[in-house]
C-alpha atoms as a PDB file:
ATOM      1  CA  MET A   1      35.535  36.993  18.992  1.00  0.00           C
ATOM      2  CA  LYS A   2      32.004  37.386  20.368  1.00  0.00           C
ATOM      3  CA  ALA A   3      31.992  41.064  19.511  1.00  0.00           C
ATOM      4  CA  GLY A   4      32.800  40.315  15.852  1.00  0.00           C
ATOM      5  CA  ARG A   5      30.078  37.704  15.686  1.00  0.00           C
ATOM      6  CA  GLN A   6      27.576  40.048  17.300  1.00  0.00           C
ATOM      7  CA  ASP A   7      28.456  42.769  14.755  1.00  0.00           C
ATOM      8  CA  ILE A   8      27.878  40.338  11.874  1.00  0.00           C
ATOM      9  CA  GLU A   9      24.513  39.252  13.312  1.00  0.00           C
ATOM     10  CA  ASN A  10      23.407  42.868  13.798  1.00  0.00           C
ATOM     11  CA  ARG A  11      24.436  43.844  10.270  1.00  0.00           C
ATOM     12  CA  ALA A  12      22.664  40.783   8.797  1.00  0.00           C
ATOM     13  CA  ARG A  13      19.500  41.641  10.731  1.00  0.00           C
ATOM     14  CA  GLU A  14      19.619  45.247   9.502  1.00  0.00           C
ATOM     15  CA  LEU A  15      20.049  44.149   5.887  1.00  0.00           C
ATOM     16  CA  PHE A  16      17.212  41.674   6.225  1.00  0.00           C
ATOM     17  CA  ASP A  17      14.897  44.268   7.757  1.00  0.00           C
ATOM     18  CA  GLU A  18      15.726  46.730   4.966  1.00  0.00           C
ATOM     19  CA  SER A  19      15.032  44.126   2.312  1.00  0.00           C
ATOM     20  CA  VAL A  20      11.703  43.261   3.901  1.00  0.00           C
ATOM     21  CA  GLU A  21      10.661  46.915   4.097  1.00  0.00           C
ATOM     22  CA  GLY A  22      11.516  47.347   0.426  1.00  0.00           C
ATOM     23  CA  VAL A  23       9.075  44.624  -0.736  1.00  0.00           C
ATOM     24  CA  ASP A  24       5.931  45.975  -2.363  1.00  0.00           C
ATOM     25  CA  PHE A  25       2.446  45.085  -1.093  1.00  0.00           C
ATOM     26  CA  ALA A  26       1.616  42.601  -3.886  1.00  0.00           C
ATOM     27  CA  THR A  27       4.776  40.609  -3.259  1.00  0.00           C
ATOM     28  CA  ARG A  28       4.159  40.609   0.507  1.00  0.00           C
ATOM     29  CA  SER A  29       0.645  39.330  -0.132  1.00  0.00           C
ATOM     30  CA  ARG A  30       1.889  36.497  -2.380  1.00  0.00           C
ATOM     31  CA  LEU A  31       4.547  35.563   0.179  1.00  0.00           C
ATOM     32  CA  THR A  32       1.991  35.518   2.979  1.00  0.00           C
ATOM     33  CA  GLN A  33      -0.347  33.324   0.910  1.00  0.00           C
ATOM     34  CA  ALA A  34       2.532  30.969   0.103  1.00  0.00           C
ATOM     35  CA  ARG A  35       3.441  30.808   3.788  1.00  0.00           C
ATOM     36  CA  HIS A  36      -0.141  29.974   4.776  1.00  0.00           C
ATOM     37  CA  ALA A  37      -0.355  27.324   2.063  1.00  0.00           C
ATOM     38  CA  ALA A  38       2.912  25.731   3.287  1.00  0.00           C
ATOM     39  CA  LEU A  39       1.680  25.705   6.877  1.00  0.00           C
ATOM     40  CA  ALA A  40      -1.631  24.170   5.799  1.00  0.00           C
ATOM     41  CA  GLU A  41       0.296  21.469   3.926  1.00  0.00           C
ATOM     42  CA  LEU A  42       2.216  20.626   7.093  1.00  0.00           C
ATOM     43  CA  GLU A  43      -1.032  20.199   9.011  1.00  0.00           C
ATOM     44  CA  ARG A  44      -2.506  17.854   6.382  1.00  0.00           C
ATOM     45  CA  PRO A  45      -2.001  14.218   7.392  1.00  0.00           C
ATOM     46  CA  ARG A  46       0.479  12.257   5.397  1.00  0.00           C
ATOM     47  CA  PHE A  47      -0.140   8.736   4.146  1.00  0.00           C
ATOM     48  CA  ARG A  48      -1.284   6.653   7.035  1.00  0.00           C
ATOM     49  CA  LEU A  49      -2.398   3.071   7.136  1.00  0.00           C
ATOM     50  CA  ALA A  50      -6.092   2.752   7.647  1.00  0.00           C
ATOM     51  CA  PRO A  51      -6.780   1.645  11.213  1.00  0.00           C
ATOM     52  CA  TRP A  52      -8.726  -1.350   9.972  1.00  0.00           C
ATOM     53  CA  LEU A  53      -5.985  -2.644   7.656  1.00  0.00           C
ATOM     54  CA  PRO A  54      -4.182  -4.904  10.211  1.00  0.00           C
ATOM     55  CA  ALA A  55      -7.514  -6.410  11.234  1.00  0.00           C
ATOM     56  CA  ALA A  56      -8.432  -7.058   7.576  1.00  0.00           C
ATOM     57  CA  ALA A  57      -5.060  -8.716   6.981  1.00  0.00           C
ATOM     58  CA  ALA A  58      -5.501 -10.927  10.038  1.00  0.00           C
ATOM     59  CA  ALA A  59      -9.014 -11.876   8.910  1.00  0.00           C
ATOM     60  CA  THR A  60      -7.731 -12.766   5.449  1.00  0.00           C
ATOM     61  CA  VAL A  61      -4.995 -14.985   6.887  1.00  0.00           C
ATOM     62  CA  ALA A  62      -7.538 -16.662   9.169  1.00  0.00           C
ATOM     63  CA  ALA A  63      -9.925 -17.265   6.248  1.00  0.00           C
ATOM     64  CA  ILE A  64      -7.156 -18.869   4.201  1.00  0.00           C
ATOM     65  CA  ALA A  65      -6.113 -21.024   7.143  1.00  0.00           C
ATOM     66  CA  VAL A  66      -9.689 -22.191   7.660  1.00  0.00           C
ATOM     67  CA  ALA A  67     -10.118 -22.867   3.935  1.00  0.00           C
ATOM     68  CA  VAL A  68      -7.016 -25.030   3.906  1.00  0.00           C
ATOM     69  CA  TRP A  69      -7.572 -26.701   7.276  1.00  0.00           C
ATOM     70  CA  LEU A  70     -11.327 -27.438   7.120  1.00  0.00           C
ATOM     71  CA  PRO A  71     -11.346 -29.650   4.002  1.00  0.00           C
ATOM     72  CA  GLN A  72      -8.495 -31.679   5.465  1.00  0.00           C
ATOM     73  CA  GLU A  73     -10.685 -32.903   8.309  1.00  0.00           C
ATOM     74  CA  GLN A  74     -13.571 -33.849   6.010  1.00  0.00           C
ATOM     75  CA  ASN A  75     -11.704 -35.226   2.990  1.00  0.00           C
ATOM     76  CA  PRO A  76      -7.887 -35.464   2.738  1.00  0.00           C
ATOM     77  CA  GLU A  77      -8.015 -35.338  -1.064  1.00  0.00           C
ATOM     78  CA  ALA A  78      -9.946 -32.060  -0.917  1.00  0.00           C
ATOM     79  CA  ALA A  79      -7.273 -30.638   1.375  1.00  0.00           C
ATOM     80  CA  VAL A  80      -4.553 -31.550  -1.110  1.00  0.00           C
ATOM     81  CA  ALA A  81      -6.599 -29.947  -3.887  1.00  0.00           C
ATOM     82  CA  ALA A  82      -7.074 -26.812  -1.808  1.00  0.00           C
ATOM     83  CA  VAL A  83      -3.355 -26.542  -1.141  1.00  0.00           C
ATOM     84  CA  ASP A  84      -2.614 -27.119  -4.852  1.00  0.00           C
ATOM     85  CA  ASP A  85      -5.112 -24.420  -5.803  1.00  0.00           C
ATOM     86  CA  PHE A  86      -3.594 -22.052  -3.283  1.00  0.00           C
ATOM     87  CA  GLU A  87      -0.095 -22.765  -4.605  1.00  0.00           C
ATOM     88  CA  MET A  88      -1.252 -22.125  -8.170  1.00  0.00           C
ATOM     89  CA  LEU A  89      -2.708 -18.766  -7.140  1.00  0.00           C
ATOM     90  CA  THR A  90       0.364 -17.669  -5.185  1.00  0.00           C
ATOM     91  CA  LEU A  91       2.858 -18.743  -7.814  1.00  0.00           C
ATOM     92  CA  GLY A  92       1.209 -16.435 -10.327  1.00  0.00           C
ATOM     93  CA  GLU A  93       1.188 -18.979 -13.130  1.00  0.00           C
ATOM     94  CA  ASP A  94      -0.361 -17.920 -16.398  1.00  0.00           C
ATOM     95  CA  LEU A  95      -3.922 -19.186 -16.310  1.00  0.00           C
ATOM     96  CA  ASP A  96      -4.663 -18.141 -19.891  1.00  0.00           C
ATOM     97  CA  MET A  97      -3.640 -21.613 -21.042  1.00  0.00           C
ATOM     98  CA  LEU A  98      -6.765 -23.067 -19.415  1.00  0.00           C
ATOM     99  CA  GLY A  99      -8.961 -21.481 -22.080  1.00  0.00           C
ATOM    100  CA  GLU A 100      -7.073 -23.202 -24.920  1.00  0.00           C
ATOM    101  CA  ASP A 101      -8.131 -26.807 -24.238  1.00  0.00           C
ATOM    102  CA  ILE A 102     -11.245 -26.457 -22.133  1.00  0.00           C
ATOM    103  CA  GLU A 103     -12.703 -29.731 -23.461  1.00  0.00           C
ATOM    104  CA  PHE A 104      -9.592 -31.602 -22.364  1.00  0.00           C
ATOM    105  CA  TYR A 105      -9.821 -30.213 -18.829  1.00  0.00           C
ATOM    106  CA  ALA A 106     -13.530 -31.065 -18.662  1.00  0.00           C
ATOM    107  CA  TRP A 107     -12.764 -34.624 -19.829  1.00  0.00           C
ATOM    108  CA  ALA A 108      -9.868 -34.967 -17.324  1.00  0.00           C
ATOM    109  CA  THR A 109     -12.143 -33.813 -14.500  1.00  0.00           C
ATOM    110  CA  SER A 110     -14.855 -36.290 -15.454  1.00  0.00           C
ATOM    111  CA  VAL A 111     -12.350 -39.158 -15.663  1.00  0.00           C
ATOM    112  CA  GLU A 112     -10.905 -38.203 -12.295  1.00  0.00           C
ATOM    113  CA  ALA A 113     -14.398 -38.054 -10.781  1.00  0.00           C
ATOM    114  CA  GLY A 114     -15.254 -41.432 -12.315  1.00  0.00           C
ATOM    115  CA  ASN A 115     -12.088 -43.017 -10.881  1.00  0.00           C
ATOM    116  CA  GLY A 116     -12.898 -41.717  -7.413  1.00  0.00           C
ATOM    117  CA  GLN A 117     -16.270 -43.534  -7.420  1.00  0.00           C
ATOM    118  CA  GLY A 118     -15.119 -46.910  -8.722  1.00  0.00           C
END
């Protein structure tokens, strides 16, 4: 069985060598250029995360935690407002409606501020 396999391998190698020798110079040149381009592509780094990305994500989380936690110690109402603002941003609500009745929102804010003082 090994002898038959060896014969097949030898014959395949001979046919391959003959086909390579029969290729003209221009084709060999293009094949060589394509081979070098493929090898260069393998050496090029693939998509990698920037080394600073985890640190930036941690800093962002810390900044959000401080922004939510800090107002709570100074003024509990401000902490609730900060959490509400954060929820509104994360829920992705459509904020275009705010431009429709801007006078109403200004009036509501002034009334709310007036109630907080009296």
